[in-house]
Amino acid sequence: MSKKLLQLIVLLCAVALFPSGLFANEEYLKQLEDNAEFEYDDSGDVPWKEDRLADLMPPENDNLRQLAIDHPPVGFKVYIDTTSITVSKSDSVVRYWLVLKAGKSRNAMYEGIKCNSKEYKTYAYENKWKKGKVNISKVAKWLPIKKQGHDYFRYELEKYFFCSDVLPRPVEDIQDIIAGYKTTTSDFDPTYHYGQ
């Protein structure tokens, strides 16, 4: 916002709040304009930077926990590898292995959720033809989490498991929620380990 525009807004607000007789003096108006102190310096802002992706191994079946969600993709059950859950302190992204199962079919994706922007990204996929191999996505990008359609389950992941409003929950709390030890009845719960 430009300094001139901000000064104009301050003047208009002041005129609306005080009796018109108070501002009859042009010199007083000029003094208000010269003393405008509402200027933001963005030179100290640090742009958001995403962490580099670590080496990945596909999730083991023994580490998968089925999630109790209301809207899984049709015909699939949703699992999370609880040992893969991380919450980065530098970029505030929750990362995890997500597994969708239907009968003997298994689709495993390494994903991340940004709580502050309500977005997700699929970084990698398990290679179905080469055991123990992972294919990194070359076109991975952040996509909005929608509260509709076949991706509704990601909305449930974000809201009820991984995020407390715009903040990621600590790993310990996410694991407790998945295990059923805690519930997410509100956005703030004093029993959670905020700030750890």
Protein backbone atom coordinates (compact mmCIF):
# COMPACT_ATOMS: atom_id res chain seq x y z
CA MET A 1 0.00 0.00 0.00
CA SER A 2 1.47 3.37 -1.00
CA LYS A 3 2.21 6.01 1.61
CA LYS A 4 -0.12 8.55 -0.07
CA LEU A 5 -3.03 6.09 -0.11
CA LEU A 6 -2.48 5.22 3.54
CA GLN A 7 -2.38 8.88 4.50
CA LEU A 8 -5.64 9.49 2.65
CA ILE A 9 -7.30 6.61 4.48
CA VAL A 10 -6.09 7.96 7.85
CA LEU A 11 -7.48 11.40 7.02
CA LEU A 12 -10.86 10.02 5.92
CA CYS A 13 -11.14 7.93 9.08
CA ALA A 14 -10.25 10.93 11.22
CA VAL A 15 -12.88 13.09 9.49
CA ALA A 16 -15.51 10.39 10.06
CA LEU A 17 -14.67 10.02 13.76
CA PHE A 18 -14.46 13.69 14.84
CA PRO A 19 -16.81 16.67 14.50
CA SER A 20 -16.26 18.59 11.26
CA GLY A 21 -15.45 21.84 13.09
CA LEU A 22 -12.27 20.33 14.47
CA PHE A 23 -10.79 20.04 10.97
CA ALA A 24 -11.63 23.45 9.64
CA ASN A 25 -7.98 24.45 10.03
CA GLU A 26 -6.00 23.47 6.87
CA GLU A 27 -2.72 23.74 8.75
CA TYR A 28 -3.88 21.03 11.18
CA LEU A 29 -4.77 18.75 8.25
CA LYS A 30 -1.34 19.29 6.69
CA GLN A 31 0.33 18.42 10.02
CA LEU A 32 -1.67 15.16 10.18
CA GLU A 33 -0.54 14.27 6.68
CA ASP A 34 3.13 14.96 7.45
CA ASN A 35 3.07 12.89 10.66
CA ALA A 36 1.64 9.67 9.17
CA GLU A 37 3.54 6.87 10.95
CA PHE A 38 1.82 3.85 9.43
CA GLU A 39 4.49 2.58 7.07
CA TYR A 40 5.42 -1.12 6.78
CA ASP A 41 8.98 -2.03 5.92
CA ASP A 42 9.02 -5.44 4.24
CA SER A 43 12.81 -5.57 3.79
CA GLY A 44 13.13 -7.89 6.83
CA ASP A 45 10.54 -10.40 5.60
CA VAL A 46 11.92 -13.85 4.90
CA PRO A 47 10.24 -15.55 1.93
CA TRP A 48 8.82 -19.03 2.59
CA LYS A 49 11.14 -21.78 1.39
CA GLU A 50 10.27 -25.44 1.27
CA ASP A 51 12.58 -28.08 2.73
CA ARG A 52 14.38 -30.46 0.41
CA LEU A 53 12.90 -33.91 0.07
CA ALA A 54 14.79 -36.60 2.00
CA ASP A 55 15.51 -40.07 0.64
CA LEU A 56 12.31 -42.07 0.66
CA MET A 57 11.46 -45.72 1.13
CA PRO A 58 7.95 -47.08 0.53
CA PRO A 59 5.84 -47.62 3.65
CA GLU A 60 5.74 -51.01 5.34
CA ASN A 61 2.32 -52.62 5.88
CA ASP A 62 3.11 -53.11 9.60
CA ASN A 63 3.33 -49.32 10.07
CA LEU A 64 -0.01 -48.50 8.43
CA ARG A 65 -2.99 -47.34 10.48
CA GLN A 66 -6.42 -47.12 8.92
CA LEU A 67 -8.07 -43.73 9.37
CA ALA A 68 -11.63 -43.36 10.58
CA ILE A 69 -12.79 -40.81 8.02
CA ASP A 70 -16.26 -40.16 6.67
CA HIS A 71 -15.54 -39.67 2.96
CA PRO A 72 -12.78 -41.96 1.64
CA PRO A 73 -12.39 -42.29 -2.14
CA VAL A 74 -15.12 -44.65 -3.37
CA GLY A 75 -14.11 -48.27 -2.87
CA PHE A 76 -10.89 -47.46 -0.97
CA LYS A 77 -9.73 -47.48 2.63
CA VAL A 78 -7.31 -44.76 3.73
CA TYR A 79 -4.14 -45.53 5.71
CA ILE A 80 -1.24 -43.45 7.04
CA ASP A 81 2.24 -44.76 7.79
CA THR A 82 2.49 -43.35 11.31
CA THR A 83 6.28 -43.72 11.38
CA SER A 84 6.63 -41.46 8.33
CA ILE A 85 4.82 -38.43 9.79
CA THR A 86 7.05 -35.38 10.13
CA VAL A 87 6.33 -31.73 10.92
CA SER A 88 9.04 -29.43 9.66
CA LYS A 89 9.96 -26.52 11.94
CA SER A 90 11.47 -24.56 9.05
CA ASP A 91 8.62 -24.75 6.50
CA SER A 92 5.68 -25.90 8.72
CA VAL A 93 4.64 -28.69 6.36
CA VAL A 94 3.21 -32.00 7.62
CA ARG A 95 4.63 -34.85 5.49
CA TYR A 96 3.52 -38.48 5.50
CA TRP A 97 3.00 -41.64 3.46
CA LEU A 98 -0.66 -41.99 2.44
CA VAL A 99 -1.87 -45.42 1.31
CA LEU A 100 -5.16 -46.16 -0.43
CA LYS A 101 -6.22 -49.81 -0.46
CA ALA A 102 -9.00 -51.58 -2.33
CA GLY A 103 -8.87 -55.36 -1.98
CA LYS A 104 -5.31 -56.36 -2.95
CA SER A 105 -4.67 -53.08 -4.76
CA ARG A 106 -2.40 -50.60 -2.96
CA ASN A 107 -1.52 -47.04 -3.99
CA ALA A 108 1.08 -45.29 -1.82
CA MET A 109 1.83 -41.57 -2.13
CA TYR A 110 4.24 -39.41 -0.19
CA GLU A 111 2.42 -36.13 0.46
CA GLY A 112 2.59 -32.88 2.37
CA ILE A 113 -0.04 -30.52 3.78
CA LYS A 114 0.46 -26.79 4.41
CA CYS A 115 -1.97 -25.88 7.18
CA ASN A 116 -1.71 -22.10 6.75
CA SER A 117 -2.74 -22.18 3.07
CA LYS A 118 -4.91 -25.35 3.12
CA GLU A 119 -2.92 -26.96 0.27
CA TYR A 120 -1.44 -30.38 -0.39
CA LYS A 121 1.33 -31.73 -2.60
CA THR A 122 2.10 -35.26 -3.79
CA TYR A 123 5.89 -35.55 -3.85
CA ALA A 124 6.35 -39.20 -4.79
CA TYR A 125 4.68 -42.54 -5.51
CA GLU A 126 5.56 -46.10 -4.66
CA ASN A 127 6.79 -47.92 -7.76
CA LYS A 128 4.42 -50.89 -8.16
CA TRP A 129 6.75 -52.80 -10.49
CA LYS A 130 10.03 -52.41 -8.59
CA LYS A 131 9.81 -53.45 -4.96
CA GLY A 132 11.34 -50.94 -2.55
CA LYS A 133 11.56 -48.17 -5.17
CA VAL A 134 9.96 -44.73 -5.16
CA ASN A 135 9.21 -42.49 -8.15
CA ILE A 136 9.65 -38.78 -7.40
CA SER A 137 7.07 -36.58 -9.12
CA LYS A 138 8.70 -34.14 -11.52
CA VAL A 139 5.61 -31.94 -11.69
CA ALA A 140 4.67 -31.80 -7.99
CA LYS A 141 2.90 -28.57 -7.10
CA TRP A 142 0.76 -27.25 -4.28
CA LEU A 143 -2.96 -27.76 -4.90
CA PRO A 144 -5.93 -26.45 -2.91
CA ILE A 145 -7.62 -28.86 -0.51
CA LYS A 146 -11.26 -29.00 -1.55
CA LYS A 147 -14.22 -29.83 0.62
CA GLN A 148 -15.90 -31.77 -2.16
CA GLY A 149 -15.45 -34.56 -4.68
CA HIS A 150 -13.03 -37.48 -4.55
CA ASP A 151 -10.41 -35.45 -2.65
CA TYR A 152 -12.71 -34.71 0.30
CA PHE A 153 -10.67 -37.12 2.42
CA ARG A 154 -7.71 -34.70 2.25
CA TYR A 155 -9.93 -32.02 3.78
CA GLU A 156 -10.61 -34.46 6.63
CA LEU A 157 -6.87 -35.19 6.97
CA GLU A 158 -6.08 -31.48 7.20
CA LYS A 159 -8.92 -30.51 9.55
CA TYR A 160 -9.20 -33.48 11.91
CA PHE A 161 -5.74 -35.05 11.96
CA PHE A 162 -2.88 -32.78 10.87
CA CYS A 163 -3.80 -29.13 11.46
CA SER A 164 -5.12 -26.96 14.25
CA ASP A 165 -6.52 -24.13 12.17
CA VAL A 166 -3.42 -22.64 10.43
CA LEU A 167 -0.82 -24.46 12.55
CA PRO A 168 0.41 -28.02 12.12
CA ARG A 169 -0.13 -30.25 15.11
CA PRO A 170 2.95 -31.83 16.69
CA VAL A 171 3.76 -35.36 15.43
CA GLU A 172 2.95 -36.89 18.82
CA ASP A 173 -0.57 -35.43 18.73
CA ILE A 174 -1.18 -36.51 15.14
CA GLN A 175 -0.18 -40.06 16.05
CA ASP A 176 -2.44 -39.98 19.13
CA ILE A 177 -5.39 -38.78 17.03
CA ILE A 178 -4.81 -41.53 14.45
CA ALA A 179 -4.60 -44.12 17.24
CA GLY A 180 -7.86 -42.81 18.73
CA TYR A 181 -6.33 -41.56 22.00
CA LYS A 182 -7.38 -37.97 21.29
CA THR A 183 -10.22 -36.34 19.42
CA THR A 184 -10.35 -33.06 17.57
CA THR A 185 -13.56 -31.56 18.87
CA SER A 186 -12.28 -27.99 18.53
CA ASP A 187 -9.46 -26.06 16.87
CA PHE A 188 -7.78 -25.43 20.23
CA ASP A 189 -7.33 -28.11 22.84
CA PRO A 190 -5.10 -27.36 25.86
CA THR A 191 -4.07 -31.02 26.07
CA TYR A 192 -2.18 -30.74 22.77
CA HIS A 193 1.55 -30.07 22.78
CA TYR A 194 1.54 -26.67 21.09
CA GLY A 195 4.93 -25.04 20.59
CA GLN A 196 6.96 -28.20 21.00
